[in-house]
């Protein structure tokens, strides 16, 4: 509230009251009061006049007071309204960022999982930059403690979305490398497959940094400041990130087994082309055992995945089927028996 206009108006109102008092004759009020008090049988006219005159005076004083009250609240109301508009602008921009984040994946950001390779990270980044500027404007405009708390929470929401976008980019990158590893397995190219698996691991490690920022610097309570993002969705997204990172880590063992089998198959094919048939068959037998093991492990991986990491279920099953298919093809190509490929030490 601006105190100077309020005090000026209050002075004016007080002056008005004094002016009204000065219009009375010095003897009017005492005489009428005395008549009303000392002479119970006094004339009704004088008593009535004594009653009417004070009634008129408070009425005018009340009007002055009302005017002072209205003036005193006008400036803060305008400031609060402007602050509210600034806060609304931040909420609108962050809401648009959420829309861009989920894109065409589904109704919430949970639909934008590791397999959502169409994630529009550049658009999200631009929206977050705009929100950062709007948050500073809103912070400067705040009037009440409640508005200040809201702006602080919106700043935390922006931090969450910024870090979430970094995690998302890394996990989508890990998924892309997994897809490329699958293509390398299909092409019986162990070197390319191992390179993609290493890159997948790198992306998983990159995701860990911004995820820890989310855990350390953001909260479900703050998420409630954005109508489009509730506390439940915030918690679920954190859980999803954690589950997907763990799932990529869990994949490495079965995929290393797959890569080993593909590497041995690749070498066996080369040996056979060079006429080393016996060596080729022995290596092919070992390759089949690795491929069978990988297939079983990948199937179990897919079956054991819970909802937060279900983005990897489909790929897990595809890889399991591919490993089984490669094992079957190798048996046929090298005319291997089931017995030969189910016993013996792996090399």
Protein backbone atom coordinates (compact mmCIF):
# COMPACT_ATOMS: atom_id res chain seq x y z
CA UNK A 1 0.00 0.00 0.00
CA UNK A 2 1.38 3.50 -0.84
CA UNK A 3 1.24 5.37 2.42
CA UNK A 4 1.62 8.96 1.12
CA UNK A 5 -1.65 9.12 -0.89
CA UNK A 6 -3.40 7.35 1.93
CA UNK A 7 -2.10 9.87 4.55
CA UNK A 8 -2.90 12.86 2.34
CA UNK A 9 -6.46 11.69 1.89
CA UNK A 10 -6.78 10.96 5.58
CA UNK A 11 -5.70 14.58 6.31
CA UNK A 12 -8.34 15.87 3.89
CA UNK A 13 -11.01 13.82 5.58
CA UNK A 14 -10.04 15.18 8.99
CA UNK A 15 -10.06 18.72 7.69
CA UNK A 16 -13.58 18.18 6.37
CA UNK A 17 -14.77 17.22 9.82
CA UNK A 18 -13.28 20.39 11.35
CA UNK A 19 -14.98 22.55 8.73
CA UNK A 20 -18.33 21.06 9.57
CA UNK A 21 -17.80 21.77 13.32
CA UNK A 22 -16.87 25.36 12.63
CA UNK A 23 -20.26 26.07 10.97
CA UNK A 24 -21.98 25.75 14.31
CA UNK A 25 -22.43 28.74 16.60
CA UNK A 26 -20.47 28.46 19.82
CA UNK A 27 -23.65 28.15 21.85
CA UNK A 28 -25.64 25.80 19.61
CA UNK A 29 -24.36 22.45 20.74
CA UNK A 30 -24.04 23.24 24.48
CA UNK A 31 -27.45 24.92 24.68
CA UNK A 32 -29.17 22.04 22.93
CA UNK A 33 -27.35 19.49 25.00
CA UNK A 34 -28.20 21.29 28.21
CA UNK A 35 -31.86 21.55 27.26
CA UNK A 36 -32.02 17.90 26.43
CA UNK A 37 -30.34 16.97 29.69
CA UNK A 38 -31.47 19.42 32.30
CA UNK A 39 -35.03 20.06 31.16
CA UNK A 40 -36.76 16.75 30.52
CA UNK A 41 -39.88 18.68 29.62
CA UNK A 42 -38.07 20.88 27.16
CA UNK A 43 -39.40 21.53 23.75
CA UNK A 44 -39.26 18.57 21.35
CA UNK A 45 -38.02 20.82 18.60
CA UNK A 46 -34.72 21.57 20.33
CA UNK A 47 -34.22 17.95 21.30
CA UNK A 48 -34.87 16.87 17.72
CA UNK A 49 -32.38 19.41 16.43
CA UNK A 50 -29.73 18.10 18.82
CA UNK A 51 -30.31 14.63 17.51
CA UNK A 52 -30.26 15.52 13.82
CA UNK A 53 -27.12 17.62 13.89
CA UNK A 54 -24.79 14.90 15.23
CA UNK A 55 -26.41 12.44 12.84
CA UNK A 56 -25.46 14.55 9.87
CA UNK A 57 -21.88 15.00 11.01
CA UNK A 58 -20.95 11.31 11.34
CA UNK A 59 -22.49 10.67 7.95
CA UNK A 60 -20.11 13.11 6.28
CA UNK A 61 -17.16 11.77 8.29
CA UNK A 62 -18.03 8.23 7.25
CA UNK A 63 -18.02 9.23 3.60
CA UNK A 64 -14.56 10.69 3.96
CA UNK A 65 -13.36 7.53 5.67
CA UNK A 66 -14.77 5.31 2.94
CA UNK A 67 -13.00 7.36 0.31
CA UNK A 68 -9.74 7.04 2.17
CA UNK A 69 -10.15 3.26 2.38
CA UNK A 70 -10.81 2.90 -1.34
CA UNK A 71 -7.82 5.03 -2.24
CA UNK A 72 -5.52 3.15 0.13
CA UNK A 73 -6.28 -0.22 -1.51
CA UNK A 74 -6.28 0.90 -5.15
CA UNK A 75 -2.48 0.93 -5.69
CA UNK A 76 -1.74 -2.45 -4.04
CA UNK A 77 -4.60 -4.05 -5.96
CA UNK A 78 -3.15 -2.83 -9.24
CA UNK A 79 0.31 -4.07 -8.28
CA UNK A 80 -1.06 -7.43 -7.22
CA UNK A 81 -2.96 -7.73 -10.46
CA UNK A 82 0.17 -6.99 -12.48
CA UNK A 83 2.11 -9.55 -10.47
CA UNK A 84 -0.63 -12.08 -11.04
CA UNK A 85 -0.44 -11.45 -14.79
CA UNK A 86 3.32 -12.02 -14.70
CA UNK A 87 2.84 -15.28 -12.82
CA UNK A 88 0.16 -16.35 -15.30
CA UNK A 89 2.62 -15.72 -18.14
CA UNK A 90 5.19 -18.04 -16.50
CA UNK A 91 2.57 -20.74 -15.96
CA UNK A 92 1.42 -20.43 -19.57
CA UNK A 93 4.96 -20.75 -20.94
CA UNK A 94 5.81 -23.71 -18.73
CA UNK A 95 2.51 -25.33 -19.71
CA UNK A 96 3.52 -24.94 -23.36
CA UNK A 97 6.90 -26.50 -22.56
CA UNK A 98 5.09 -29.51 -21.13
CA UNK A 99 3.08 -29.76 -24.33
CA UNK A 100 6.25 -29.71 -26.41
CA UNK A 101 7.90 -32.21 -24.06
CA UNK A 102 5.23 -34.86 -24.47
CA UNK A 103 4.72 -33.98 -28.15
CA UNK A 104 2.78 -36.71 -29.90
CA UNK A 105 3.77 -39.37 -27.37
CA UNK A 106 0.64 -39.20 -25.21
CA UNK A 107 -1.33 -37.22 -22.66
CA UNK A 108 1.46 -36.59 -20.13
CA UNK A 109 5.25 -36.39 -20.06
CA UNK A 110 5.26 -39.99 -18.84
CA UNK A 111 4.39 -41.02 -22.40
CA UNK A 112 7.67 -39.44 -23.54
CA UNK A 113 9.84 -42.35 -22.43
CA UNK A 114 13.25 -43.58 -23.55
CA UNK A 115 11.76 -45.03 -26.74
CA UNK A 116 10.27 -41.66 -27.76
CA UNK A 117 12.91 -40.82 -30.35
CA UNK A 118 10.89 -37.86 -31.68
CA UNK A 119 11.55 -35.89 -28.50
CA UNK A 120 11.74 -32.18 -29.50
CA UNK A 121 14.59 -31.15 -27.23
CA UNK A 122 15.40 -27.93 -29.12
CA UNK A 123 11.84 -26.63 -28.86
CA UNK A 124 11.73 -27.48 -25.16
CA UNK A 125 15.03 -25.67 -24.63
CA UNK A 126 13.72 -22.49 -26.29
CA UNK A 127 10.58 -22.56 -24.15
CA UNK A 128 12.63 -22.96 -20.99
CA UNK A 129 14.78 -19.95 -21.92
CA UNK A 130 11.65 -17.85 -22.34
CA UNK A 131 10.29 -19.07 -19.00
CA UNK A 132 13.54 -18.12 -17.27
CA UNK A 133 13.17 -14.49 -18.39
CA UNK A 134 9.51 -14.42 -17.38
CA UNK A 135 10.32 -15.79 -13.95
CA UNK A 136 12.72 -12.91 -13.29
CA UNK A 137 10.05 -10.42 -14.40
CA UNK A 138 7.48 -12.07 -12.13
CA UNK A 139 9.93 -12.13 -9.23
CA UNK A 140 10.42 -8.36 -9.52
CA UNK A 141 6.65 -7.81 -9.71
CA UNK A 142 5.59 -9.83 -6.68
CA UNK A 143 3.72 -7.94 -3.95
CA UNK A 144 2.55 -10.54 -1.47
CA UNK A 145 4.38 -13.38 0.26
CA UNK A 146 2.06 -15.86 -1.46
CA UNK A 147 3.03 -14.53 -4.87
CA UNK A 148 6.70 -14.75 -3.99
CA UNK A 149 6.29 -18.37 -2.91
CA UNK A 150 4.48 -19.19 -6.16
CA UNK A 151 7.25 -17.66 -8.27
CA UNK A 152 9.90 -19.57 -6.32
CA UNK A 153 8.02 -22.81 -6.90
CA UNK A 154 7.65 -22.08 -10.60
CA UNK A 155 11.41 -21.53 -10.77
CA UNK A 156 11.85 -25.00 -9.28
CA UNK A 157 9.42 -26.41 -11.83
CA UNK A 158 11.49 -24.84 -14.58
CA UNK A 159 14.62 -26.44 -13.11
CA UNK A 160 12.87 -29.80 -13.06
CA UNK A 161 11.85 -29.52 -16.72
CA UNK A 162 15.32 -28.36 -17.76
CA UNK A 163 17.02 -31.26 -16.00
CA UNK A 164 14.32 -33.69 -17.14
CA UNK A 165 14.95 -32.66 -20.75
CA UNK A 166 18.67 -33.43 -20.31
CA UNK A 167 17.88 -36.85 -18.86
CA UNK A 168 15.38 -37.45 -21.65
CA UNK A 169 17.89 -36.60 -24.38
CA UNK A 170 20.46 -38.96 -22.87
CA UNK A 171 18.03 -41.86 -22.44
CA UNK A 172 16.65 -41.43 -25.95
CA UNK A 173 20.26 -41.44 -27.14
CA UNK A 174 20.87 -44.68 -25.26
CA UNK A 175 17.81 -46.19 -26.91
CA UNK A 176 19.01 -45.15 -30.37
CA UNK A 177 22.37 -46.82 -29.75
CA UNK A 178 20.50 -49.92 -28.64
CA UNK A 179 18.61 -49.89 -31.92
CA UNK A 180 21.90 -49.58 -33.80
CA UNK A 181 23.36 -52.44 -31.78
CA UNK A 182 20.39 -54.56 -32.79
CA UNK A 183 21.06 -53.72 -36.47
CA UNK A 184 24.71 -54.70 -36.02
CA UNK A 185 23.67 -58.04 -34.47
CA UNK A 186 21.39 -58.61 -37.43
CA UNK A 187 24.28 -57.89 -39.82
CA UNK A 188 26.66 -60.14 -37.81
CA UNK A 189 28.99 -57.23 -37.12
CA UNK A 190 30.34 -57.65 -33.61
CA UNK A 191 32.67 -54.65 -33.77
CA UNK A 192 29.86 -52.25 -34.62
CA UNK A 193 27.59 -53.84 -32.01
CA UNK A 194 30.16 -53.43 -29.24
CA UNK A 195 30.74 -49.81 -30.22
CA UNK A 196 27.01 -49.06 -29.99
CA UNK A 197 26.76 -50.80 -26.63
CA UNK A 198 29.61 -48.68 -25.27
CA UNK A 199 27.85 -45.54 -26.52
CA UNK A 200 24.63 -46.73 -24.88
CA UNK A 201 26.46 -47.00 -21.57
CA UNK A 202 27.93 -43.52 -22.02
CA UNK A 203 24.49 -42.00 -22.53
CA UNK A 204 23.19 -43.81 -19.47
CA UNK A 205 25.98 -42.32 -17.39
CA UNK A 206 25.31 -38.85 -18.81
CA UNK A 207 21.66 -39.15 -17.75
CA UNK A 208 22.69 -39.76 -14.15
CA UNK A 209 24.01 -36.21 -13.62
CA UNK A 210 20.84 -34.21 -14.40
CA UNK A 211 18.76 -36.89 -12.70
CA UNK A 212 20.65 -36.30 -9.47
CA UNK A 213 19.98 -32.57 -9.91
CA UNK A 214 16.26 -33.34 -10.05
CA UNK A 215 16.48 -35.35 -6.86
CA UNK A 216 18.58 -32.75 -5.08
CA UNK A 217 17.00 -29.47 -6.21
CA UNK A 218 13.34 -30.09 -7.07
CA UNK A 219 10.26 -31.35 -5.26
CA UNK A 220 6.72 -32.59 -5.71
CA UNK A 221 5.46 -29.70 -3.59
CA UNK A 222 6.88 -27.18 -6.05
CA UNK A 223 5.39 -29.07 -9.00
CA UNK A 224 1.92 -28.24 -7.70
CA UNK A 225 2.52 -24.58 -8.65
CA UNK A 226 2.03 -25.54 -12.28
CA UNK A 227 -1.56 -26.68 -12.96
CA UNK A 228 -0.44 -28.78 -15.93
CA UNK A 229 2.04 -30.71 -13.78
CA UNK A 230 0.80 -32.27 -10.56
CA UNK A 231 2.84 -33.83 -7.79
CA UNK A 232 1.87 -37.35 -8.83
CA UNK A 233 3.15 -36.89 -12.40
CA UNK A 234 6.36 -35.35 -11.07
CA UNK A 235 7.02 -38.35 -8.83
CA UNK A 236 6.14 -40.81 -11.59
CA UNK A 237 8.56 -39.14 -14.01
CA UNK A 238 11.38 -39.38 -11.49
CA UNK A 239 10.58 -43.04 -10.97
CA UNK A 240 10.50 -43.62 -14.72
CA UNK A 241 13.91 -42.04 -15.22
CA UNK A 242 15.45 -44.13 -12.46
CA UNK A 243 13.88 -47.34 -13.74
CA UNK A 244 15.01 -46.74 -17.33
CA UNK A 245 18.59 -45.99 -16.30
CA UNK A 246 18.70 -49.19 -14.28
CA UNK A 247 17.17 -51.13 -17.17
CA UNK A 248 19.85 -49.97 -19.59
CA UNK A 249 22.44 -51.08 -17.06
CA UNK A 250 20.75 -54.47 -16.64
CA UNK A 251 20.77 -54.96 -20.40
CA UNK A 252 24.53 -54.83 -20.71
CA UNK A 253 25.15 -58.36 -19.41
CA UNK A 254 22.78 -60.16 -21.81
CA UNK A 255 23.90 -57.92 -24.67
CA UNK A 256 27.55 -58.68 -24.02
CA UNK A 257 26.63 -62.35 -24.26
CA UNK A 258 24.83 -61.63 -27.53
CA UNK A 259 27.83 -59.73 -28.87
CA UNK A 260 30.17 -62.55 -27.92
CA UNK A 261 28.01 -65.04 -29.79
CA UNK A 262 27.87 -62.77 -32.85
CA UNK A 263 31.62 -62.26 -32.71
CA UNK A 264 32.23 -66.00 -32.68
CA UNK A 265 29.74 -66.55 -35.48
CA UNK A 266 31.45 -63.86 -37.53
CA UNK A 267 34.82 -65.55 -37.02
CA UNK A 268 33.39 -69.02 -37.73
CA UNK A 269 32.01 -67.83 -41.06
CA UNK A 270 35.39 -66.36 -41.98
CA UNK A 271 37.19 -69.59 -41.03
CA UNK A 272 34.85 -71.65 -43.12
CA UNK A 273 35.41 -69.39 -46.11
CA UNK A 274 39.13 -69.98 -45.66
CA UNK A 275 38.66 -73.75 -45.54
CA UNK A 276 39.15 -74.25 -41.78
CA UNK A 277 35.95 -76.26 -41.49
CA UNK A 278 36.65 -78.04 -38.21
CA UNK A 279 37.67 -74.88 -36.39
CA UNK A 280 34.70 -73.09 -37.87
CA UNK A 281 32.27 -75.69 -36.54
CA UNK A 282 33.76 -75.63 -33.06
CA UNK A 283 33.51 -71.87 -32.91
CA UNK A 284 30.00 -71.97 -34.33
CA UNK A 285 28.94 -74.38 -31.57
CA UNK A 286 30.24 -71.95 -28.97
CA UNK A 287 28.50 -69.06 -30.73
CA UNK A 288 25.18 -70.89 -30.57
CA UNK A 289 25.54 -71.47 -26.85
CA UNK A 290 26.18 -67.76 -26.26
CA UNK A 291 23.25 -66.82 -28.46
CA UNK A 292 20.91 -69.22 -26.68
CA UNK A 293 22.00 -67.84 -23.31
CA UNK A 294 21.51 -64.28 -24.52
CA UNK A 295 18.04 -65.11 -25.83
CA UNK A 296 16.96 -66.62 -22.53
CA UNK A 297 18.39 -63.73 -20.51
CA UNK A 298 16.82 -61.08 -22.72
CA UNK A 299 13.43 -62.76 -22.50
CA UNK A 300 13.70 -62.79 -18.70
CA UNK A 301 14.77 -59.14 -18.75
CA UNK A 302 11.65 -58.16 -20.71
CA UNK A 303 9.37 -60.23 -18.50
CA UNK A 304 10.78 -58.74 -15.30
CA UNK A 305 10.52 -55.10 -16.31
CA UNK A 306 7.96 -53.15 -14.33
CA UNK A 307 5.79 -50.33 -15.67
CA UNK A 308 8.21 -47.39 -15.22
CA UNK A 309 10.70 -49.00 -17.64
CA UNK A 310 8.26 -50.65 -20.00
CA UNK A 311 9.70 -48.60 -22.88
CA UNK A 312 12.40 -51.29 -23.09
CA UNK A 313 10.09 -54.31 -23.01
CA UNK A 314 9.56 -54.38 -26.76
CA UNK A 315 13.23 -54.01 -27.58
CA UNK A 316 14.15 -56.66 -25.01
CA UNK A 317 11.83 -59.16 -26.67
CA UNK A 318 13.01 -58.22 -30.16
CA UNK A 319 16.60 -58.83 -29.13
CA UNK A 320 15.65 -62.14 -27.48
CA UNK A 321 13.93 -63.29 -30.66
CA UNK A 322 16.86 -62.14 -32.78
CA UNK A 323 19.37 -64.05 -30.65
CA UNK A 324 17.24 -67.19 -30.89
CA UNK A 325 16.93 -66.72 -34.64
CA UNK A 326 20.69 -66.31 -35.07
CA UNK A 327 21.30 -69.44 -32.99
CA UNK A 328 18.89 -71.43 -35.17
CA UNK A 329 20.42 -70.10 -38.38
CA UNK A 330 23.91 -71.01 -37.16
CA UNK A 331 22.85 -74.58 -36.36
CA UNK A 332 21.41 -74.94 -39.83
CA UNK A 333 24.31 -73.29 -41.60
CA UNK A 334 26.94 -75.42 -39.89
CA UNK A 335 24.70 -78.50 -39.57
CA UNK A 336 25.11 -78.61 -35.81
CA UNK A 337 23.16 -80.94 -33.55
CA UNK A 338 21.22 -79.79 -30.53
CA UNK A 339 23.49 -81.91 -28.34
CA UNK A 340 26.65 -80.32 -29.67
CA UNK A 341 25.41 -76.81 -28.98
CA UNK A 342 23.96 -77.46 -25.53
CA UNK A 343 27.09 -78.95 -23.91
CA UNK A 344 30.71 -78.04 -23.64
CA UNK A 345 32.59 -75.01 -22.39
CA UNK A 346 32.07 -71.63 -23.97
CA UNK A 347 35.11 -69.96 -25.41
